[in-house]
């Protein structure tokens, strides 16, 4: 009985892990733009790039924005559009630079 229960728990864990391992970006590799293109766009926008790598099918960038705030962002590799953005403000941080047109705020937290 214990062996059957253990086997069932292990099987359920493996199945749930596989469901969670979904890629964030699904662009076909043949459609990807070069990483250097994204690097040039971000540097022209005032970002300082610390790392740029592929993670979960997206380009993942870590660095500093033009105001010196730490950022982590994921970009769709074919369009180079942001799919996820995290900005880590210090106590003097201001989220107004990250408001979308129409006043919708991009999710941010002060640390």
PDB file of N, CA and C in Angstrom:
ATOM      1  N   UNK A   1       0.819  -1.192   0.000  1.00  0.00           N
ATOM      2  CA  UNK A   1       0.000   0.000   0.000  1.00  0.00           C
ATOM      3  C   UNK A   1       0.868   1.264   0.000  1.00  0.00           C
ATOM      4  N   UNK A   2       1.892   1.273   0.877  1.00  0.00           N
ATOM      5  CA  UNK A   2       2.767   2.443   0.941  1.00  0.00           C
ATOM      6  C   UNK A   2       3.489   2.657  -0.381  1.00  0.00           C
ATOM      7  N   UNK A   3       3.917   1.568  -1.016  1.00  0.00           N
ATOM      8  CA  UNK A   3       4.628   1.665  -2.292  1.00  0.00           C
ATOM      9  C   UNK A   3       3.720   2.249  -3.375  1.00  0.00           C
ATOM     10  N   UNK A   4       2.460   1.834  -3.401  1.00  0.00           N
ATOM     11  CA  UNK A   4       1.506   2.341  -4.392  1.00  0.00           C
ATOM     12  C   UNK A   4       1.254   3.827  -4.176  1.00  0.00           C
ATOM     13  N   UNK A   5       1.087   4.235  -2.927  1.00  0.00           N
ATOM     14  CA  UNK A   5       0.862   5.647  -2.610  1.00  0.00           C
ATOM     15  C   UNK A   5       2.082   6.482  -3.003  1.00  0.00           C
ATOM     16  N   UNK A   6       3.279   5.998  -2.686  1.00  0.00           N
ATOM     17  CA  UNK A   6       4.504   6.701  -3.044  1.00  0.00           C
ATOM     18  C   UNK A   6       4.611   6.860  -4.557  1.00  0.00           C
ATOM     19  N   UNK A   7       4.332   5.797  -5.297  1.00  0.00           N
ATOM     20  CA  UNK A   7       4.388   5.839  -6.760  1.00  0.00           C
ATOM     21  C   UNK A   7       3.392   6.851  -7.312  1.00  0.00           C
ATOM     22  N   UNK A   8       2.204   6.899  -6.745  1.00  0.00           N
ATOM     23  CA  UNK A   8       1.181   7.847  -7.200  1.00  0.00           C
ATOM     24  C   UNK A   8       1.613   9.287  -6.935  1.00  0.00           C
ATOM     25  N   UNK A   9       2.199   9.542  -5.777  1.00  0.00           N
ATOM     26  CA  UNK A   9       2.658  10.896  -5.438  1.00  0.00           C
ATOM     27  C   UNK A   9       3.786  11.323  -6.370  1.00  0.00           C
ATOM     28  N   UNK A  10       4.733  10.438  -6.630  1.00  0.00           N
ATOM     29  CA  UNK A  10       5.847  10.760  -7.528  1.00  0.00           C
ATOM     30  C   UNK A  10       5.331  11.027  -8.937  1.00  0.00           C
ATOM     31  N   UNK A  11       4.422  10.202  -9.419  1.00  0.00           N
ATOM     32  CA  UNK A  11       3.864  10.396 -10.761  1.00  0.00           C
ATOM     33  C   UNK A  11       3.128  11.725 -10.860  1.00  0.00           C
ATOM     34  N   UNK A  12       2.348  12.070  -9.856  1.00  0.00           N
ATOM     35  CA  UNK A  12       1.620  13.342  -9.862  1.00  0.00           C
ATOM     36  C   UNK A  12       2.585  14.519  -9.847  1.00  0.00           C
ATOM     37  N   UNK A  13       3.660  14.401  -9.082  1.00  0.00           N
ATOM     38  CA  UNK A  13       4.659  15.479  -9.028  1.00  0.00           C
ATOM     39  C   UNK A  13       5.324  15.687 -10.377  1.00  0.00           C
ATOM     40  N   UNK A  14       5.674  14.603 -11.030  1.00  0.00           N
ATOM     41  CA  UNK A  14       6.322  14.712 -12.337  1.00  0.00           C
ATOM     42  C   UNK A  14       5.384  15.305 -13.373  1.00  0.00           C
ATOM     43  N   UNK A  15       4.133  14.921 -13.359  1.00  0.00           N
ATOM     44  CA  UNK A  15       3.170  15.458 -14.320  1.00  0.00           C
ATOM     45  C   UNK A  15       2.917  16.940 -14.086  1.00  0.00           C
ATOM     46  N   UNK A  16       2.824  17.358 -12.820  1.00  0.00           N
ATOM     47  CA  UNK A  16       2.582  18.776 -12.550  1.00  0.00           C
ATOM     48  C   UNK A  16       3.807  19.606 -12.900  1.00  0.00           C
ATOM     49  N   UNK A  17       5.013  19.076 -12.724  1.00  0.00           N
ATOM     50  CA  UNK A  17       6.228  19.801 -13.102  1.00  0.00           C
ATOM     51  C   UNK A  17       6.286  20.011 -14.602  1.00  0.00           C
ATOM     52  N   UNK A  18       5.892  19.016 -15.367  1.00  0.00           N
ATOM     53  CA  UNK A  18       5.898  19.142 -16.824  1.00  0.00           C
ATOM     54  C   UNK A  18       4.916  20.211 -17.277  1.00  0.00           C
ATOM     55  N   UNK A  19       3.795  20.334 -16.599  1.00  0.00           N
ATOM     56  CA  UNK A  19       2.804  21.350 -16.967  1.00  0.00           C
ATOM     57  C   UNK A  19       3.325  22.748 -16.671  1.00  0.00           C
ATOM     58  N   UNK A  20       4.139  22.893 -15.635  1.00  0.00           N
ATOM     59  CA  UNK A  20       4.670  24.204 -15.274  1.00  0.00           C
ATOM     60  C   UNK A  20       5.854  24.612 -16.139  1.00  0.00           C
ATOM     61  N   UNK A  21       6.452  23.712 -16.869  1.00  0.00           N
ATOM     62  CA  UNK A  21       7.655  23.994 -17.643  1.00  0.00           C
ATOM     63  C   UNK A  21       7.321  24.559 -19.025  1.00  0.00           C
ATOM     64  N   UNK A  22       6.336  25.430 -19.105  1.00  0.00           N
ATOM     65  CA  UNK A  22       5.914  26.026 -20.368  1.00  0.00           C
ATOM     66  C   UNK A  22       6.813  27.220 -20.691  1.00  0.00           C
ATOM     67  N   UNK A  23       7.224  27.332 -21.941  1.00  0.00           N
ATOM     68  CA  UNK A  23       8.029  28.477 -22.355  1.00  0.00           C
ATOM     69  C   UNK A  23       7.186  29.746 -22.339  1.00  0.00           C
ATOM     70  N   UNK A  24       7.807  30.869 -21.975  1.00  0.00           N
ATOM     71  CA  UNK A  24       7.123  32.159 -21.994  1.00  0.00           C
ATOM     72  C   UNK A  24       6.948  32.663 -23.417  1.00  0.00           C
ATOM     73  N   UNK A  25       7.916  32.429 -24.267  1.00  0.00           N
ATOM     74  CA  UNK A  25       7.889  32.904 -25.652  1.00  0.00           C
ATOM     75  C   UNK A  25       7.886  31.693 -26.580  1.00  0.00           C
ATOM     76  N   UNK A  26       7.111  31.783 -27.635  1.00  0.00           N
ATOM     77  CA  UNK A  26       6.969  30.636 -28.537  1.00  0.00           C
ATOM     78  C   UNK A  26       7.357  30.972 -29.969  1.00  0.00           C
ATOM     79  N   UNK A  27       8.093  32.065 -30.176  1.00  0.00           N
ATOM     80  CA  UNK A  27       8.505  32.447 -31.527  1.00  0.00           C
ATOM     81  C   UNK A  27       9.398  31.363 -32.128  1.00  0.00           C
ATOM     82  N   UNK A  28       9.161  30.973 -33.386  1.00  0.00           N
ATOM     83  CA  UNK A  28      10.058  30.009 -34.033  1.00  0.00           C
ATOM     84  C   UNK A  28      11.472  30.594 -34.140  1.00  0.00           C
ATOM     85  N   UNK A  29      12.468  29.783 -33.881  1.00  0.00           N
ATOM     86  CA  UNK A  29      13.862  30.240 -33.892  1.00  0.00           C
ATOM     87  C   UNK A  29      14.221  30.887 -35.229  1.00  0.00           C
ATOM     88  N   UNK A  30      13.651  30.415 -36.313  1.00  0.00           N
ATOM     89  CA  UNK A  30      13.943  30.981 -37.639  1.00  0.00           C
ATOM     90  C   UNK A  30      13.518  32.442 -37.745  1.00  0.00           C
ATOM     91  N   UNK A  31      12.574  32.881 -36.886  1.00  0.00           N
ATOM     92  CA  UNK A  31      12.076  34.259 -36.926  1.00  0.00           C
ATOM     93  C   UNK A  31      12.784  35.189 -35.945  1.00  0.00           C
ATOM     94  N   UNK A  32      13.684  34.661 -35.131  1.00  0.00           N
ATOM     95  CA  UNK A  32      14.338  35.474 -34.113  1.00  0.00           C
ATOM     96  C   UNK A  32      15.228  36.537 -34.742  1.00  0.00           C
ATOM     97  N   UNK A  33      15.217  37.723 -34.112  1.00  0.00           N
ATOM     98  CA  UNK A  33      16.169  38.769 -34.475  1.00  0.00           C
ATOM     99  C   UNK A  33      17.441  38.550 -33.648  1.00  0.00           C
ATOM    100  N   UNK A  34      18.573  39.011 -34.142  1.00  0.00           N
ATOM    101  CA  UNK A  34      19.831  38.801 -33.406  1.00  0.00           C
ATOM    102  C   UNK A  34      19.823  39.503 -32.044  1.00  0.00           C
ATOM    103  N   UNK A  35      20.502  38.891 -31.079  1.00  0.00           N
ATOM    104  CA  UNK A  35      20.625  39.504 -29.748  1.00  0.00           C
ATOM    105  C   UNK A  35      21.261  40.881 -29.826  1.00  0.00           C
ATOM    106  N   UNK A  36      22.207  41.040 -30.728  1.00  0.00           N
ATOM    107  CA  UNK A  36      22.892  42.334 -30.850  1.00  0.00           C
ATOM    108  C   UNK A  36      21.930  43.448 -31.256  1.00  0.00           C
ATOM    109  N   UNK A  37      20.897  43.113 -32.012  1.00  0.00           N
ATOM    110  CA  UNK A  37      19.890  44.117 -32.377  1.00  0.00           C
ATOM    111  C   UNK A  37      19.174  44.609 -31.120  1.00  0.00           C
ATOM    112  N   UNK A  38      18.786  43.691 -30.241  1.00  0.00           N
ATOM    113  CA  UNK A  38      18.141  44.075 -28.982  1.00  0.00           C
ATOM    114  C   UNK A  38      19.110  44.882 -28.126  1.00  0.00           C
ATOM    115  N   UNK A  39      20.364  44.453 -28.058  1.00  0.00           N
ATOM    116  CA  UNK A  39      21.368  45.179 -27.269  1.00  0.00           C
ATOM    117  C   UNK A  39      21.497  46.630 -27.758  1.00  0.00           C
ATOM    118  N   UNK A  40      21.548  46.826 -29.082  1.00  0.00           N
ATOM    119  CA  UNK A  40      21.669  48.189 -29.633  1.00  0.00           C
ATOM    120  C   UNK A  40      20.451  49.044 -29.283  1.00  0.00           C
ATOM    121  N   UNK A  41      19.259  48.466 -29.390  1.00  0.00           N
ATOM    122  CA  UNK A  41      18.030  49.209 -29.080  1.00  0.00           C
ATOM    123  C   UNK A  41      18.019  49.632 -27.610  1.00  0.00           C
ATOM    124  N   UNK A  42      18.386  48.722 -26.719  1.00  0.00           N
ATOM    125  CA  UNK A  42      18.354  49.028 -25.289  1.00  0.00           C
ATOM    126  C   UNK A  42      19.421  50.044 -24.901  1.00  0.00           C
ATOM    127  N   UNK A  43      20.609  49.918 -25.453  1.00  0.00           N
ATOM    128  CA  UNK A  43      21.669  50.887 -25.156  1.00  0.00           C
ATOM    129  C   UNK A  43      21.271  52.268 -25.656  1.00  0.00           C
ATOM    130  N   UNK A  44      20.646  52.343 -26.823  1.00  0.00           N
ATOM    131  CA  UNK A  44      20.172  53.628 -27.351  1.00  0.00           C
ATOM    132  C   UNK A  44      19.084  54.226 -26.459  1.00  0.00           C
ATOM    133  N   UNK A  45      18.370  53.378 -25.703  1.00  0.00           N
ATOM    134  CA  UNK A  45      17.338  53.852 -24.777  1.00  0.00           C
ATOM    135  C   UNK A  45      17.910  54.194 -23.409  1.00  0.00           C
ATOM    136  N   UNK A  46      19.227  54.043 -23.241  1.00  0.00           N
ATOM    137  CA  UNK A  46      19.868  54.410 -21.987  1.00  0.00           C
ATOM    138  C   UNK A  46      20.060  53.267 -21.009  1.00  0.00           C
ATOM    139  N   UNK A  47      19.780  52.047 -21.423  1.00  0.00           N
ATOM    140  CA  UNK A  47      19.975  50.906 -20.532  1.00  0.00           C
ATOM    141  C   UNK A  47      21.441  50.501 -20.519  1.00  0.00           C
ATOM    142  N   UNK A  48      21.913  50.036 -19.361  1.00  0.00           N
ATOM    143  CA  UNK A  48      23.236  49.426 -19.235  1.00  0.00           C
ATOM    144  C   UNK A  48      23.012  47.926 -19.085  1.00  0.00           C
ATOM    145  N   UNK A  49      23.483  47.149 -20.036  1.00  0.00           N
ATOM    146  CA  UNK A  49      23.230  45.712 -20.067  1.00  0.00           C
ATOM    147  C   UNK A  49      24.284  44.979 -19.242  1.00  0.00           C
ATOM    148  N   UNK A  50      23.844  44.220 -18.245  1.00  0.00           N
ATOM    149  CA  UNK A  50      24.732  43.374 -17.460  1.00  0.00           C
ATOM    150  C   UNK A  50      24.766  41.971 -18.058  1.00  0.00           C
ATOM    151  N   UNK A  51      23.602  41.445 -18.425  1.00  0.00           N
ATOM    152  CA  UNK A  51      23.552  40.139 -19.092  1.00  0.00           C
ATOM    153  C   UNK A  51      22.383  40.104 -20.067  1.00  0.00           C
ATOM    154  N   UNK A  52      22.576  39.357 -21.141  1.00  0.00           N
ATOM    155  CA  UNK A  52      21.536  39.150 -22.147  1.00  0.00           C
ATOM    156  C   UNK A  52      21.639  37.690 -22.562  1.00  0.00           C
ATOM    157  N   UNK A  53      20.612  36.910 -22.233  1.00  0.00           N
ATOM    158  CA  UNK A  53      20.652  35.477 -22.522  1.00  0.00           C
ATOM    159  C   UNK A  53      19.271  34.997 -22.951  1.00  0.00           C
ATOM    160  N   UNK A  54      19.202  33.761 -23.393  1.00  0.00           N
ATOM    161  CA  UNK A  54      17.930  33.134 -23.744  1.00  0.00           C
ATOM    162  C   UNK A  54      17.448  32.343 -22.537  1.00  0.00           C
ATOM    163  N   UNK A  55      16.180  32.568 -22.135  1.00  0.00           N
ATOM    164  CA  UNK A  55      15.579  31.851 -21.023  1.00  0.00           C
ATOM    165  C   UNK A  55      14.107  31.632 -21.331  1.00  0.00           C
ATOM    166  N   UNK A  56      13.652  30.401 -21.238  1.00  0.00           N
ATOM    167  CA  UNK A  56      12.250  30.054 -21.515  1.00  0.00           C
ATOM    168  C   UNK A  56      11.793  30.526 -22.887  1.00  0.00           C
ATOM    169  N   UNK A  57      12.685  30.488 -23.866  1.00  0.00           N
ATOM    170  CA  UNK A  57      12.326  30.880 -25.221  1.00  0.00           C
ATOM    171  C   UNK A  57      12.301  32.375 -25.455  1.00  0.00           C
ATOM    172  N   UNK A  58      12.668  33.166 -24.448  1.00  0.00           N
ATOM    173  CA  UNK A  58      12.690  34.631 -24.554  1.00  0.00           C
ATOM    174  C   UNK A  58      14.129  35.127 -24.408  1.00  0.00           C
ATOM    175  N   UNK A  59      14.368  36.351 -24.868  1.00  0.00           N
ATOM    176  CA  UNK A  59      15.607  37.033 -24.508  1.00  0.00           C
ATOM    177  C   UNK A  59      15.389  37.615 -23.118  1.00  0.00           C
ATOM    178  N   UNK A  60      16.279  37.309 -22.189  1.00  0.00           N
ATOM    179  CA  UNK A  60      16.197  37.842 -20.832  1.00  0.00           C
ATOM    180  C   UNK A  60      17.342  38.824 -20.633  1.00  0.00           C
ATOM    181  N   UNK A  61      17.009  40.019 -20.183  1.00  0.00           N
ATOM    182  CA  UNK A  61      17.996  41.078 -19.994  1.00  0.00           C
ATOM    183  C   UNK A  61      17.998  41.491 -18.528  1.00  0.00           C
ATOM    184  N   UNK A  62      19.186  41.643 -17.969  1.00  0.00           N
ATOM    185  CA  UNK A  62      19.369  42.190 -16.622  1.00  0.00           C
ATOM    186  C   UNK A  62      20.327  43.359 -16.745  1.00  0.00           C
ATOM    187  N   UNK A  63      20.048  44.405 -15.994  1.00  0.00           N
ATOM    188  CA  UNK A  63      20.924  45.560 -16.045  1.00  0.00           C
ATOM    189  C   UNK A  63      20.352  46.736 -15.297  1.00  0.00           C
ATOM    190  N   UNK A  64      20.689  47.928 -15.772  1.00  0.00           N
ATOM    191  CA  UNK A  64      20.236  49.178 -15.165  1.00  0.00           C
ATOM    192  C   UNK A  64      19.549  50.017 -16.229  1.00  0.00           C
ATOM    193  N   UNK A  65      18.466  50.696 -15.824  1.00  0.00           N
ATOM    194  CA  UNK A  65      17.812  51.596 -16.774  1.00  0.00           C
ATOM    195  C   UNK A  65      18.521  52.947 -16.762  1.00  0.00           C
ATOM    196  N   UNK A  66      18.015  53.902 -17.520  1.00  0.00           N
ATOM    197  CA  UNK A  66      18.690  55.203 -17.639  1.00  0.00           C
ATOM    198  C   UNK A  66      18.702  55.985 -16.328  1.00  0.00           C
ATOM    199  N   UNK A  67      17.858  55.578 -15.345  1.00  0.00           N
ATOM    200  CA  UNK A  67      17.828  56.238 -14.042  1.00  0.00           C
ATOM    201  C   UNK A  67      18.617  55.477 -12.983  1.00  0.00           C
ATOM    202  N   UNK A  68      19.286  54.399 -13.397  1.00  0.00           N
ATOM    203  CA  UNK A  68      20.096  53.621 -12.466  1.00  0.00           C
ATOM    204  C   UNK A  68      19.329  52.566 -11.691  1.00  0.00           C
ATOM    205  N   UNK A  69      18.053  52.331 -12.020  1.00  0.00           N
ATOM    206  CA  UNK A  69      17.272  51.301 -11.346  1.00  0.00           C
ATOM    207  C   UNK A  69      17.593  49.935 -11.944  1.00  0.00           C
ATOM    208  N   UNK A  70      17.662  48.929 -11.070  1.00  0.00           N
ATOM    209  CA  UNK A  70      17.910  47.564 -11.541  1.00  0.00           C
ATOM    210  C   UNK A  70      16.683  47.055 -12.291  1.00  0.00           C
ATOM    211  N   UNK A  71      16.923  46.435 -13.437  1.00  0.00           N
ATOM    212  CA  UNK A  71      15.822  45.921 -14.244  1.00  0.00           C
ATOM    213  C   UNK A  71      16.083  44.482 -14.652  1.00  0.00           C
ATOM    214  N   UNK A  72      14.996  43.754 -14.790  1.00  0.00           N
ATOM    215  CA  UNK A  72      15.002  42.436 -15.403  1.00  0.00           C
ATOM    216  C   UNK A  72      13.851  42.457 -16.391  1.00  0.00           C
ATOM    217  N   UNK A  73      14.115  42.077 -17.625  1.00  0.00           N
ATOM    218  CA  UNK A  73      13.069  42.112 -18.648  1.00  0.00           C
ATOM    219  C   UNK A  73      13.192  40.900 -19.551  1.00  0.00           C
ATOM    220  N   UNK A  74      12.034  40.455 -20.043  1.00  0.00           N
ATOM    221  CA  UNK A  74      12.001  39.395 -21.054  1.00  0.00           C
ATOM    222  C   UNK A  74      11.395  39.980 -22.317  1.00  0.00           C
ATOM    223  N   UNK A  75      11.996  39.614 -23.455  1.00  0.00           N
ATOM    224  CA  UNK A  75      11.568  40.120 -24.757  1.00  0.00           C
ATOM    225  C   UNK A  75      11.239  38.953 -25.673  1.00  0.00           C
ATOM    226  N   UNK A  76      10.187  39.117 -26.482  1.00  0.00           N
ATOM    227  CA  UNK A  76       9.887  38.143 -27.526  1.00  0.00           C
ATOM    228  C   UNK A  76      10.993  38.257 -28.567  1.00  0.00           C
ATOM    229  N   UNK A  77      11.684  37.182 -28.894  1.00  0.00           N
ATOM    230  CA  UNK A  77      12.856  37.279 -29.767  1.00  0.00           C
ATOM    231  C   UNK A  77      12.560  37.638 -31.220  1.00  0.00           C
ATOM    232  N   UNK A  78      11.359  37.425 -31.705  1.00  0.00           N
ATOM    233  CA  UNK A  78      11.046  37.773 -33.095  1.00  0.00           C
ATOM    234  C   UNK A  78      10.692  39.248 -33.232  1.00  0.00           C
ATOM    235  N   UNK A  79       9.907  39.775 -32.287  1.00  0.00           N
ATOM    236  CA  UNK A  79       9.445  41.166 -32.379  1.00  0.00           C
ATOM    237  C   UNK A  79      10.263  42.117 -31.518  1.00  0.00           C
ATOM    238  N   UNK A  80      11.010  41.585 -30.559  1.00  0.00           N
ATOM    239  CA  UNK A  80      11.766  42.356 -29.559  1.00  0.00           C
ATOM    240  C   UNK A  80      10.846  43.202 -28.678  1.00  0.00           C
ATOM    241  N   UNK A  81       9.588  42.805 -28.548  1.00  0.00           N
ATOM    242  CA  UNK A  81       8.650  43.484 -27.649  1.00  0.00           C
ATOM    243  C   UNK A  81       8.799  42.915 -26.244  1.00  0.00           C
ATOM    244  N   UNK A  82       8.631  43.795 -25.242  1.00  0.00           N
ATOM    245  CA  UNK A  82       8.715  43.369 -23.848  1.00  0.00           C
ATOM    246  C   UNK A  82       7.511  42.494 -23.518  1.00  0.00           C
ATOM    247  N   UNK A  83       7.780  41.327 -22.925  1.00  0.00           N
ATOM    248  CA  UNK A  83       6.697  40.473 -22.453  1.00  0.00           C
ATOM    249  C   UNK A  83       6.642  40.451 -20.929  1.00  0.00           C
ATOM    250  N   UNK A  84       7.726  40.877 -20.282  1.00  0.00           N
ATOM    251  CA  UNK A  84       7.761  40.948 -18.825  1.00  0.00           C
ATOM    252  C   UNK A  84       8.814  41.971 -18.426  1.00  0.00           C
ATOM    253  N   UNK A  85       8.486  42.814 -17.441  1.00  0.00           N
ATOM    254  CA  UNK A  85       9.426  43.834 -16.978  1.00  0.00           C
ATOM    255  C   UNK A  85       9.342  43.937 -15.472  1.00  0.00           C
ATOM    256  N   UNK A  86      10.496  43.883 -14.814  1.00  0.00           N
ATOM    257  CA  UNK A  86      10.575  44.078 -13.371  1.00  0.00           C
ATOM    258  C   UNK A  86      11.605  45.167 -13.109  1.00  0.00           C
ATOM    259  N   UNK A  87      11.184  46.200 -12.389  1.00  0.00           N
ATOM    260  CA  UNK A  87      12.066  47.307 -12.032  1.00  0.00           C
ATOM    261  C   UNK A  87      12.191  47.318 -10.517  1.00  0.00           C
ATOM    262  N   UNK A  88      13.408  47.346 -10.021  1.00  0.00           N
ATOM    263  CA  UNK A  88      13.648  47.379  -8.580  1.00  0.00           C
ATOM    264  C   UNK A  88      14.105  48.783  -8.210  1.00  0.00           C
ATOM    265  N   UNK A  89      13.194  49.534  -7.607  1.00  0.00           N
ATOM    266  CA  UNK A  89      13.481  50.909  -7.212  1.00  0.00           C
ATOM    267  C   UNK A  89      14.132  50.943  -5.838  1.00  0.00           C
ATOM    268  N   UNK A  90      14.943  51.980  -5.600  1.00  0.00           N
ATOM    269  CA  UNK A  90      15.371  52.260  -4.241  1.00  0.00           C
ATOM    270  C   UNK A  90      14.267  53.126  -3.621  1.00  0.00           C
ATOM    271  N   UNK A  91      14.476  53.654  -2.448  1.00  0.00           N
ATOM    272  CA  UNK A  91      13.426  54.425  -1.775  1.00  0.00           C
ATOM    273  C   UNK A  91      13.046  55.699  -2.520  1.00  0.00           C
ATOM    274  N   UNK A  92      13.925  56.217  -3.371  1.00  0.00           N
ATOM    275  CA  UNK A  92      13.614  57.436  -4.121  1.00  0.00           C
ATOM    276  C   UNK A  92      13.033  57.123  -5.497  1.00  0.00           C
ATOM    277  N   UNK A  93      12.707  55.860  -5.744  1.00  0.00           N
ATOM    278  CA  UNK A  93      12.204  55.444  -7.051  1.00  0.00           C
ATOM    279  C   UNK A  93      10.868  56.072  -7.402  1.00  0.00           C
ATOM    280  N   UNK A  94      10.638  56.232  -8.700  1.00  0.00           N
ATOM    281  CA  UNK A  94       9.404  56.814  -9.215  1.00  0.00           C
ATOM    282  C   UNK A  94       8.950  55.993 -10.411  1.00  0.00           C
ATOM    283  N   UNK A  95       7.762  55.440 -10.331  1.00  0.00           N
ATOM    284  CA  UNK A  95       7.258  54.565 -11.392  1.00  0.00           C
ATOM    285  C   UNK A  95       6.678  55.331 -12.574  1.00  0.00           C
ATOM    286  N   UNK A  96       6.681  56.651 -12.545  1.00  0.00           N
ATOM    287  CA  UNK A  96       6.039  57.410 -13.626  1.00  0.00           C
ATOM    288  C   UNK A  96       6.695  57.164 -14.988  1.00  0.00           C
ATOM    289  N   UNK A  97       7.974  56.810 -15.015  1.00  0.00           N
ATOM    290  CA  UNK A  97       8.634  56.498 -16.289  1.00  0.00           C
ATOM    291  C   UNK A  97       8.119  55.202 -16.904  1.00  0.00           C
ATOM    292  N   UNK A  98       7.418  54.409 -16.122  1.00  0.00           N
ATOM    293  CA  UNK A  98       6.984  53.093 -16.579  1.00  0.00           C
ATOM    294  C   UNK A  98       5.477  53.007 -16.776  1.00  0.00           C
ATOM    295  N   UNK A  99       4.812  54.161 -16.852  1.00  0.00           N
ATOM    296  CA  UNK A  99       3.378  54.170 -17.110  1.00  0.00           C
ATOM    297  C   UNK A  99       3.131  54.049 -18.601  1.00  0.00           C
ATOM    298  N   UNK A 100       2.221  53.192 -18.947  1.00  0.00           N
ATOM    299  CA  UNK A 100       1.842  53.032 -20.347  1.00  0.00           C
ATOM    300  C   UNK A 100       0.929  54.191 -20.740  1.00  0.00           C
ATOM    301  N   UNK A 101       0.801  54.478 -22.033  1.00  0.00           N
ATOM    302  CA  UNK A 101      -0.147  55.507 -22.465  1.00  0.00           C
ATOM    303  C   UNK A 101      -1.533  55.190 -21.918  1.00  0.00           C
ATOM    304  N   UNK A 102      -2.221  56.209 -21.442  1.00  0.00           N
ATOM    305  CA  UNK A 102      -3.532  55.994 -20.841  1.00  0.00           C
ATOM    306  C   UNK A 102      -3.460  55.816 -19.341  1.00  0.00           C
ATOM    307  N   UNK A 103      -2.240  55.868 -18.774  1.00  0.00           N
ATOM    308  CA  UNK A 103      -2.091  55.835 -17.330  1.00  0.00           C
ATOM    309  C   UNK A 103      -2.041  54.462 -16.691  1.00  0.00           C
ATOM    310  N   UNK A 104      -2.035  53.391 -17.466  1.00  0.00           N
ATOM    311  CA  UNK A 104      -1.946  52.057 -16.873  1.00  0.00           C
ATOM    312  C   UNK A 104      -0.518  51.841 -16.395  1.00  0.00           C
ATOM    313  N   UNK A 105      -0.390  51.357 -15.195  1.00  0.00           N
ATOM    314  CA  UNK A 105       0.945  51.143 -14.629  1.00  0.00           C
ATOM    315  C   UNK A 105       1.464  49.762 -14.977  1.00  0.00           C
ATOM    316  N   UNK A 106       2.747  49.702 -15.228  1.00  0.00           N
ATOM    317  CA  UNK A 106       3.438  48.425 -15.349  1.00  0.00           C
ATOM    318  C   UNK A 106       3.695  47.961 -13.924  1.00  0.00           C
ATOM    319  N   UNK A 107       3.509  46.685 -13.645  1.00  0.00           N
ATOM    320  CA  UNK A 107       3.695  46.158 -12.303  1.00  0.00           C
ATOM    321  C   UNK A 107       5.108  46.462 -11.807  1.00  0.00           C
ATOM    322  N   UNK A 108       5.206  47.063 -10.630  1.00  0.00           N
ATOM    323  CA  UNK A 108       6.511  47.394 -10.056  1.00  0.00           C
ATOM    324  C   UNK A 108       6.413  47.321  -8.547  1.00  0.00           C
ATOM    325  N   UNK A 109       7.546  47.125  -7.889  1.00  0.00           N
ATOM    326  CA  UNK A 109       7.557  47.137  -6.430  1.00  0.00           C
ATOM    327  C   UNK A 109       8.773  47.918  -5.954  1.00  0.00           C
ATOM    328  N   UNK A 110       8.629  48.587  -4.816  1.00  0.00           N
ATOM    329  CA  UNK A 110       9.729  49.347  -4.226  1.00  0.00           C
ATOM    330  C   UNK A 110      10.432  48.449  -3.231  1.00  0.00           C
ATOM    331  N   UNK A 111      11.769  48.400  -3.306  1.00  0.00           N
ATOM    332  CA  UNK A 111      12.558  47.607  -2.349  1.00  0.00           C
ATOM    333  C   UNK A 111      13.403  48.517  -1.507  1.00  0.00           C
TER     334      UNK A 111
END
